[in-house]
Amino acid sequence: MAITRYRPLLARMDPWVEFDALRNRLASYMREPGLITDAGSSFGWNPTVDVTEDEEALVLTAELPGIEEKDVNVQIENNVLSVSGEKKREHEEKDEQRHVWEREYGMFERRIALPKTIAEDRITADFDKGVLTVRMPKLKEAKGRKIEIKGK
């Protein structure tokens, strides 16, 4: 029995969808430079992350489906936040025939270089329904303030 991946009509009409998917896949292997700095990592897969910023904090959100909280490690060293862990296979592979194989397993590690304006001692992490949220509050000095101009 042959099973093929369903592609909505819109995706089939846009040839760039396939190129974007390939670029994303290659970036995960090549450790595309930027805010996320997975340098030196030889791990099996990279969970997707978002890093957002507001006036109060930087917030990293990572999708970790199928992973238990006890299998995730969050630490900070030398202004680098590291999120690592392992996604374990749910069952052993036997003589089964695979039709579609897209889920990834194994060790992972994501690193983000933090600005010096983060209050490292107030960083918190929450894990809910396979989503890790790391809140990194800014130092009071980093929030900025308006300076009033006085005339003569």
C-alpha atoms as a PDB file:
ATOM      1  CA  MET A   1       0.000   0.000   0.000  1.00  0.00           C
ATOM      2  CA  ALA A   2       1.479   3.336  -1.018  1.00  0.00           C
ATOM      3  CA  ILE A   3       0.724   6.403   1.049  1.00  0.00           C
ATOM      4  CA  THR A   4       1.644   9.866  -0.154  1.00  0.00           C
ATOM      5  CA  ARG A   5       1.611  13.082   1.780  1.00  0.00           C
ATOM      6  CA  TYR A   6      -1.492  15.200   1.212  1.00  0.00           C
ATOM      7  CA  ARG A   7      -0.701  18.674  -0.028  1.00  0.00           C
ATOM      8  CA  PRO A   8      -3.402  21.326  -0.151  1.00  0.00           C
ATOM      9  CA  LEU A   9      -4.085  22.796  -3.575  1.00  0.00           C
ATOM     10  CA  LEU A  10      -2.512  26.126  -2.588  1.00  0.00           C
ATOM     11  CA  ALA A  11       0.776  24.418  -1.610  1.00  0.00           C
ATOM     12  CA  ARG A  12       0.843  22.502  -4.888  1.00  0.00           C
ATOM     13  CA  MET A  13       0.454  25.744  -6.813  1.00  0.00           C
ATOM     14  CA  ASP A  14       3.408  27.488  -5.130  1.00  0.00           C
ATOM     15  CA  PRO A  15       6.789  25.978  -6.097  1.00  0.00           C
ATOM     16  CA  TRP A  16       8.567  28.040  -3.418  1.00  0.00           C
ATOM     17  CA  VAL A  17       6.913  26.048  -0.609  1.00  0.00           C
ATOM     18  CA  GLU A  18       9.221  23.110  -1.343  1.00  0.00           C
ATOM     19  CA  PHE A  19      12.276  25.383  -1.441  1.00  0.00           C
ATOM     20  CA  ASP A  20      11.332  26.943   1.908  1.00  0.00           C
ATOM     21  CA  ALA A  21      10.985  23.496   3.456  1.00  0.00           C
ATOM     22  CA  LEU A  22      14.388  22.495   2.053  1.00  0.00           C
ATOM     23  CA  ARG A  23      15.979  25.726   3.315  1.00  0.00           C
ATOM     24  CA  ASN A  24      14.556  25.152   6.802  1.00  0.00           C
ATOM     25  CA  ARG A  25      15.831  21.587   6.810  1.00  0.00           C
ATOM     26  CA  LEU A  26      19.306  22.599   5.635  1.00  0.00           C
ATOM     27  CA  ALA A  27      19.453  25.455   8.147  1.00  0.00           C
ATOM     28  CA  SER A  28      18.853  23.020  10.971  1.00  0.00           C
ATOM     29  CA  TYR A  29      21.798  20.915   9.767  1.00  0.00           C
ATOM     30  CA  MET A  30      24.109  23.811   9.018  1.00  0.00           C
ATOM     31  CA  ARG A  31      23.270  25.694  12.212  1.00  0.00           C
ATOM     32  CA  GLU A  32      22.323  28.896  10.419  1.00  0.00           C
ATOM     33  CA  PRO A  33      23.965  31.841  12.233  1.00  0.00           C
ATOM     34  CA  GLY A  34      21.879  34.423  14.007  1.00  0.00           C
ATOM     35  CA  LEU A  35      20.464  34.860  17.471  1.00  0.00           C
ATOM     36  CA  ILE A  36      20.323  31.099  17.991  1.00  0.00           C
ATOM     37  CA  THR A  37      23.928  29.897  18.123  1.00  0.00           C
ATOM     38  CA  ASP A  38      23.935  26.089  18.038  1.00  0.00           C
ATOM     39  CA  ALA A  39      27.687  26.119  17.342  1.00  0.00           C
ATOM     40  CA  GLY A  40      29.443  22.863  17.980  1.00  0.00           C
ATOM     41  CA  SER A  41      26.261  20.902  18.490  1.00  0.00           C
ATOM     42  CA  SER A  42      26.182  17.375  17.100  1.00  0.00           C
ATOM     43  CA  PHE A  43      22.731  16.522  18.332  1.00  0.00           C
ATOM     44  CA  GLY A  44      19.954  14.728  16.473  1.00  0.00           C
ATOM     45  CA  TRP A  45      17.323  17.406  15.909  1.00  0.00           C
ATOM     46  CA  ASN A  46      16.429  21.007  16.642  1.00  0.00           C
ATOM     47  CA  PRO A  47      13.114  21.932  18.209  1.00  0.00           C
ATOM     48  CA  THR A  48      11.489  25.057  16.805  1.00  0.00           C
ATOM     49  CA  VAL A  49      11.811  28.155  18.953  1.00  0.00           C
ATOM     50  CA  ASP A  50      10.555  31.726  19.010  1.00  0.00           C
ATOM     51  CA  VAL A  51      12.349  34.534  20.822  1.00  0.00           C
ATOM     52  CA  THR A  52      10.285  37.633  21.475  1.00  0.00           C
ATOM     53  CA  GLU A  53      10.979  40.827  23.378  1.00  0.00           C
ATOM     54  CA  ASP A  54       8.846  43.355  25.187  1.00  0.00           C
ATOM     55  CA  GLU A  55       9.715  46.203  27.554  1.00  0.00           C
ATOM     56  CA  GLU A  56      10.122  43.840  30.494  1.00  0.00           C
ATOM     57  CA  ALA A  57      11.812  40.682  29.157  1.00  0.00           C
ATOM     58  CA  LEU A  58      13.023  38.381  26.428  1.00  0.00           C
ATOM     59  CA  VAL A  59      10.862  35.267  26.107  1.00  0.00           C
ATOM     60  CA  LEU A  60      11.993  32.021  24.490  1.00  0.00           C
ATOM     61  CA  THR A  61       9.236  29.581  23.555  1.00  0.00           C
ATOM     62  CA  ALA A  62      10.229  26.105  22.363  1.00  0.00           C
ATOM     63  CA  GLU A  63       7.962  23.401  20.962  1.00  0.00           C
ATOM     64  CA  LEU A  64       8.920  20.075  22.540  1.00  0.00           C
ATOM     65  CA  PRO A  65       6.138  17.667  21.538  1.00  0.00           C
ATOM     66  CA  GLY A  66       6.288  14.209  23.042  1.00  0.00           C
ATOM     67  CA  ILE A  67       8.906  15.190  25.615  1.00  0.00           C
ATOM     68  CA  GLU A  68       8.439  15.020  29.369  1.00  0.00           C
ATOM     69  CA  GLU A  69       9.520  17.879  31.631  1.00  0.00           C
ATOM     70  CA  LYS A  70      12.080  15.632  33.338  1.00  0.00           C
ATOM     71  CA  ASP A  71      13.851  15.130  29.977  1.00  0.00           C
ATOM     72  CA  VAL A  72      14.466  18.876  29.459  1.00  0.00           C
ATOM     73  CA  ASN A  73      17.396  20.847  30.883  1.00  0.00           C
ATOM     74  CA  VAL A  74      17.619  24.664  30.946  1.00  0.00           C
ATOM     75  CA  GLN A  75      20.814  26.326  32.108  1.00  0.00           C
ATOM     76  CA  ILE A  76      22.769  29.544  31.709  1.00  0.00           C
ATOM     77  CA  GLU A  77      26.516  30.005  31.562  1.00  0.00           C
ATOM     78  CA  ASN A  78      28.570  32.973  30.349  1.00  0.00           C
ATOM     79  CA  ASN A  79      25.458  34.795  29.099  1.00  0.00           C
ATOM     80  CA  VAL A  80      24.420  31.808  26.951  1.00  0.00           C
ATOM     81  CA  LEU A  81      21.068  30.150  27.638  1.00  0.00           C
ATOM     82  CA  SER A  82      21.062  26.457  26.769  1.00  0.00           C
ATOM     83  CA  VAL A  83      17.961  24.285  26.344  1.00  0.00           C
ATOM     84  CA  SER A  84      18.762  20.607  25.908  1.00  0.00           C
ATOM     85  CA  GLY A  85      17.214  17.210  26.365  1.00  0.00           C
ATOM     86  CA  GLU A  86      16.088  14.079  24.629  1.00  0.00           C
ATOM     87  CA  LYS A  87      13.018  13.004  22.727  1.00  0.00           C
ATOM     88  CA  LYS A  88      12.723   9.247  23.149  1.00  0.00           C
ATOM     89  CA  ARG A  89      11.125   6.873  20.684  1.00  0.00           C
ATOM     90  CA  GLU A  90       7.715   5.634  21.761  1.00  0.00           C
ATOM     91  CA  HIS A  91       8.356   2.099  20.561  1.00  0.00           C
ATOM     92  CA  GLU A  92      11.208   0.029  19.235  1.00  0.00           C
ATOM     93  CA  GLU A  93      11.613  -0.325  15.517  1.00  0.00           C
ATOM     94  CA  LYS A  94      10.859  -3.809  14.303  1.00  0.00           C
ATOM     95  CA  ASP A  95      10.337  -5.212  10.857  1.00  0.00           C
ATOM     96  CA  GLU A  96       7.740  -2.590  10.095  1.00  0.00           C
ATOM     97  CA  GLN A  97       7.207  -0.998   6.730  1.00  0.00           C
ATOM     98  CA  ARG A  98       7.422   2.792   6.838  1.00  0.00           C
ATOM     99  CA  HIS A  99       5.241   4.871   4.550  1.00  0.00           C
ATOM    100  CA  VAL A 100       5.847   8.366   5.927  1.00  0.00           C
ATOM    101  CA  TRP A 101       8.677   9.120   8.372  1.00  0.00           C
ATOM    102  CA  GLU A 102       8.808  12.773   9.488  1.00  0.00           C
ATOM    103  CA  ARG A 103       9.015  12.727  13.280  1.00  0.00           C
ATOM    104  CA  GLU A 104      12.463  13.289  14.740  1.00  0.00           C
ATOM    105  CA  TYR A 105      13.964  11.737  17.858  1.00  0.00           C
ATOM    106  CA  GLY A 106      17.161  11.910  19.850  1.00  0.00           C
ATOM    107  CA  MET A 107      19.176  14.459  21.742  1.00  0.00           C
ATOM    108  CA  PHE A 108      18.736  18.179  21.117  1.00  0.00           C
ATOM    109  CA  GLU A 109      20.321  21.408  22.242  1.00  0.00           C
ATOM    110  CA  ARG A 110      19.501  25.004  21.399  1.00  0.00           C
ATOM    111  CA  ARG A 111      21.626  27.918  22.596  1.00  0.00           C
ATOM    112  CA  ILE A 112      20.908  31.608  22.610  1.00  0.00           C
ATOM    113  CA  ALA A 113      23.471  34.300  23.345  1.00  0.00           C
ATOM    114  CA  LEU A 114      21.887  36.718  25.796  1.00  0.00           C
ATOM    115  CA  PRO A 115      22.559  40.441  25.986  1.00  0.00           C
ATOM    116  CA  LYS A 116      24.222  41.691  29.168  1.00  0.00           C
ATOM    117  CA  THR A 117      20.966  43.471  30.020  1.00  0.00           C
ATOM    118  CA  ILE A 118      19.263  40.256  31.230  1.00  0.00           C
ATOM    119  CA  ALA A 119      18.780  39.661  34.965  1.00  0.00           C
ATOM    120  CA  GLU A 120      20.159  36.108  35.025  1.00  0.00           C
ATOM    121  CA  ASP A 121      19.100  35.511  38.638  1.00  0.00           C
ATOM    122  CA  ARG A 122      15.419  36.124  37.754  1.00  0.00           C
ATOM    123  CA  ILE A 123      15.099  33.818  34.726  1.00  0.00           C
ATOM    124  CA  THR A 124      12.143  31.424  35.010  1.00  0.00           C
ATOM    125  CA  ALA A 125      11.037  28.422  32.953  1.00  0.00           C
ATOM    126  CA  ASP A 126       7.577  26.848  32.606  1.00  0.00           C
ATOM    127  CA  PHE A 127       6.645  23.653  30.789  1.00  0.00           C
ATOM    128  CA  ASP A 128       3.042  23.031  29.742  1.00  0.00           C
ATOM    129  CA  LYS A 129       1.603  20.660  27.118  1.00  0.00           C
ATOM    130  CA  GLY A 130       4.923  20.205  25.330  1.00  0.00           C
ATOM    131  CA  VAL A 131       5.757  23.908  25.206  1.00  0.00           C
ATOM    132  CA  LEU A 132       8.710  25.323  27.157  1.00  0.00           C
ATOM    133  CA  THR A 133       8.566  29.035  27.981  1.00  0.00           C
ATOM    134  CA  VAL A 134      11.690  30.700  29.371  1.00  0.00           C
ATOM    135  CA  ARG A 135      11.163  34.257  30.597  1.00  0.00           C
ATOM    136  CA  MET A 136      14.319  36.356  30.893  1.00  0.00           C
ATOM    137  CA  PRO A 137      13.616  39.667  32.656  1.00  0.00           C
ATOM    138  CA  LYS A 138      15.635  42.732  31.711  1.00  0.00           C
ATOM    139  CA  LEU A 139      17.687  44.628  34.267  1.00  0.00           C
ATOM    140  CA  LYS A 140      16.074  47.845  35.448  1.00  0.00           C
ATOM    141  CA  GLU A 141      18.833  49.853  33.769  1.00  0.00           C
ATOM    142  CA  ALA A 142      18.086  48.179  30.435  1.00  0.00           C
ATOM    143  CA  LYS A 143      14.456  49.279  30.270  1.00  0.00           C
ATOM    144  CA  GLY A 144      15.406  52.851  29.512  1.00  0.00           C
ATOM    145  CA  ARG A 145      13.711  56.002  30.652  1.00  0.00           C
ATOM    146  CA  LYS A 146      12.687  59.303  29.201  1.00  0.00           C
ATOM    147  CA  ILE A 147      14.934  62.213  30.092  1.00  0.00           C
ATOM    148  CA  GLU A 148      13.192  65.514  30.482  1.00  0.00           C
ATOM    149  CA  ILE A 149      14.788  68.455  28.722  1.00  0.00           C
ATOM    150  CA  LYS A 150      14.884  71.671  30.732  1.00  0.00           C
ATOM    151  CA  GLY A 151      15.185  75.025  29.052  1.00  0.00           C
ATOM    152  CA  LYS A 152      16.839  78.135  30.473  1.00  0.00           C
END
